[in-house]
Protein backbone atom coordinates (compact mmCIF):
# COMPACT_ATOMS: atom_id res chain seq x y z
CA UNK A 1 66.18 -37.64 3.36
CA UNK A 2 68.29 -40.46 4.69
CA UNK A 3 69.43 -43.16 2.27
CA UNK A 4 70.25 -46.76 3.08
CA UNK A 5 73.26 -48.34 1.36
CA UNK A 6 73.11 -51.19 -1.14
CA UNK A 7 74.62 -53.60 1.41
CA UNK A 8 73.32 -53.70 4.97
CA UNK A 9 74.28 -56.87 6.78
CA UNK A 10 75.67 -57.58 10.22
CA UNK A 11 79.13 -56.35 9.21
CA UNK A 12 77.87 -52.92 8.15
CA UNK A 13 75.01 -52.44 10.61
CA UNK A 14 76.81 -50.57 13.39
CA UNK A 15 78.57 -48.07 11.12
CA UNK A 16 75.42 -47.58 9.04
CA UNK A 17 73.31 -46.91 12.12
CA UNK A 18 75.84 -44.42 13.42
CA UNK A 19 75.79 -42.50 10.12
CA UNK A 20 71.98 -42.58 9.93
CA UNK A 21 71.58 -41.31 13.50
CA UNK A 22 74.09 -38.54 12.78
CA UNK A 23 72.09 -37.61 9.69
CA UNK A 24 68.84 -37.73 11.62
CA UNK A 25 70.19 -35.32 14.22
CA UNK A 26 71.30 -32.92 11.49
CA UNK A 27 67.84 -32.78 9.90
CA UNK A 28 65.50 -30.10 11.20
CA UNK A 29 62.34 -31.47 9.59
CA UNK A 30 59.86 -33.21 11.87
CA UNK A 31 59.07 -35.69 9.09
CA UNK A 32 62.09 -37.73 8.02
CA UNK A 33 62.08 -40.03 5.00
CA UNK A 34 64.38 -43.04 4.79
CA UNK A 35 64.95 -44.26 1.24
CA UNK A 36 65.53 -48.02 1.27
CA UNK A 37 65.31 -48.50 -2.50
CA UNK A 38 69.07 -49.04 -2.91
CA UNK A 39 69.09 -52.08 -0.60
CA UNK A 40 70.18 -55.13 -2.54
CA UNK A 41 72.02 -57.31 -0.03
CA UNK A 42 70.69 -57.39 3.52
CA UNK A 43 69.85 -59.60 6.45
CA UNK A 44 67.88 -59.15 9.66
CA UNK A 45 70.47 -56.56 10.76
CA UNK A 46 68.78 -54.15 8.35
CA UNK A 47 65.60 -54.50 10.38
CA UNK A 48 67.49 -53.86 13.60
CA UNK A 49 69.00 -50.70 12.09
CA UNK A 50 65.58 -49.44 10.97
CA UNK A 51 64.00 -50.17 14.35
CA UNK A 52 66.77 -48.37 16.22
CA UNK A 53 66.50 -45.44 13.84
CA UNK A 54 62.76 -45.38 14.52
CA UNK A 55 63.41 -45.27 18.28
CA UNK A 56 65.92 -42.47 17.82
CA UNK A 57 63.52 -40.47 15.65
CA UNK A 58 60.79 -40.81 18.27
CA UNK A 59 63.19 -39.64 20.97
CA UNK A 60 63.87 -36.55 18.85
CA UNK A 61 60.16 -35.93 18.30
CA UNK A 62 60.38 -36.76 14.59
CA UNK A 63 58.24 -39.00 12.43
CA UNK A 64 59.99 -41.59 10.31
CA UNK A 65 58.69 -42.78 6.95
CA UNK A 66 60.42 -45.58 5.07
CA UNK A 67 60.05 -45.66 1.31
CA UNK A 68 61.25 -48.19 -1.21
CA UNK A 69 61.53 -51.06 1.26
CA UNK A 70 62.40 -54.21 -0.72
CA UNK A 71 59.59 -56.76 -0.64
CA UNK A 72 61.93 -59.44 0.75
CA UNK A 73 62.80 -57.21 3.71
CA UNK A 74 59.13 -56.44 4.28
CA UNK A 75 58.42 -60.18 4.20
CA UNK A 76 61.16 -60.77 6.77
CA UNK A 77 59.66 -58.05 8.99
CA UNK A 78 56.28 -59.76 8.67
CA UNK A 79 57.75 -63.11 9.72
CA UNK A 80 59.28 -61.42 12.79
CA UNK A 81 55.98 -59.70 13.55
CA UNK A 82 57.41 -56.19 13.26
CA UNK A 83 56.14 -55.02 9.86
CA UNK A 84 53.76 -52.52 11.48
CA UNK A 85 56.71 -50.94 13.29
CA UNK A 86 58.20 -49.99 9.95
CA UNK A 87 55.11 -48.01 9.07
CA UNK A 88 55.24 -44.24 9.67
CA UNK A 89 55.47 -43.39 13.37
């Protein structure tokens, strides 16, 4: 399981993505769960991180499932028209 940090804004996005991709590569399971429940402070960068992680998981032949997505982040994804992309791949 991969876990998102409490803070994921523009300033943390690049480092967070790098750590998540590293973790994704280390996992041997074909089904990878991302726990977003800890997210408390975030902006649209969190969506960019999740979308890039989704692309990376697809490239590795893995399915990504996001659990505990805060409702505000889901609402933001809906506004951007990408909520369905955060569903399991």
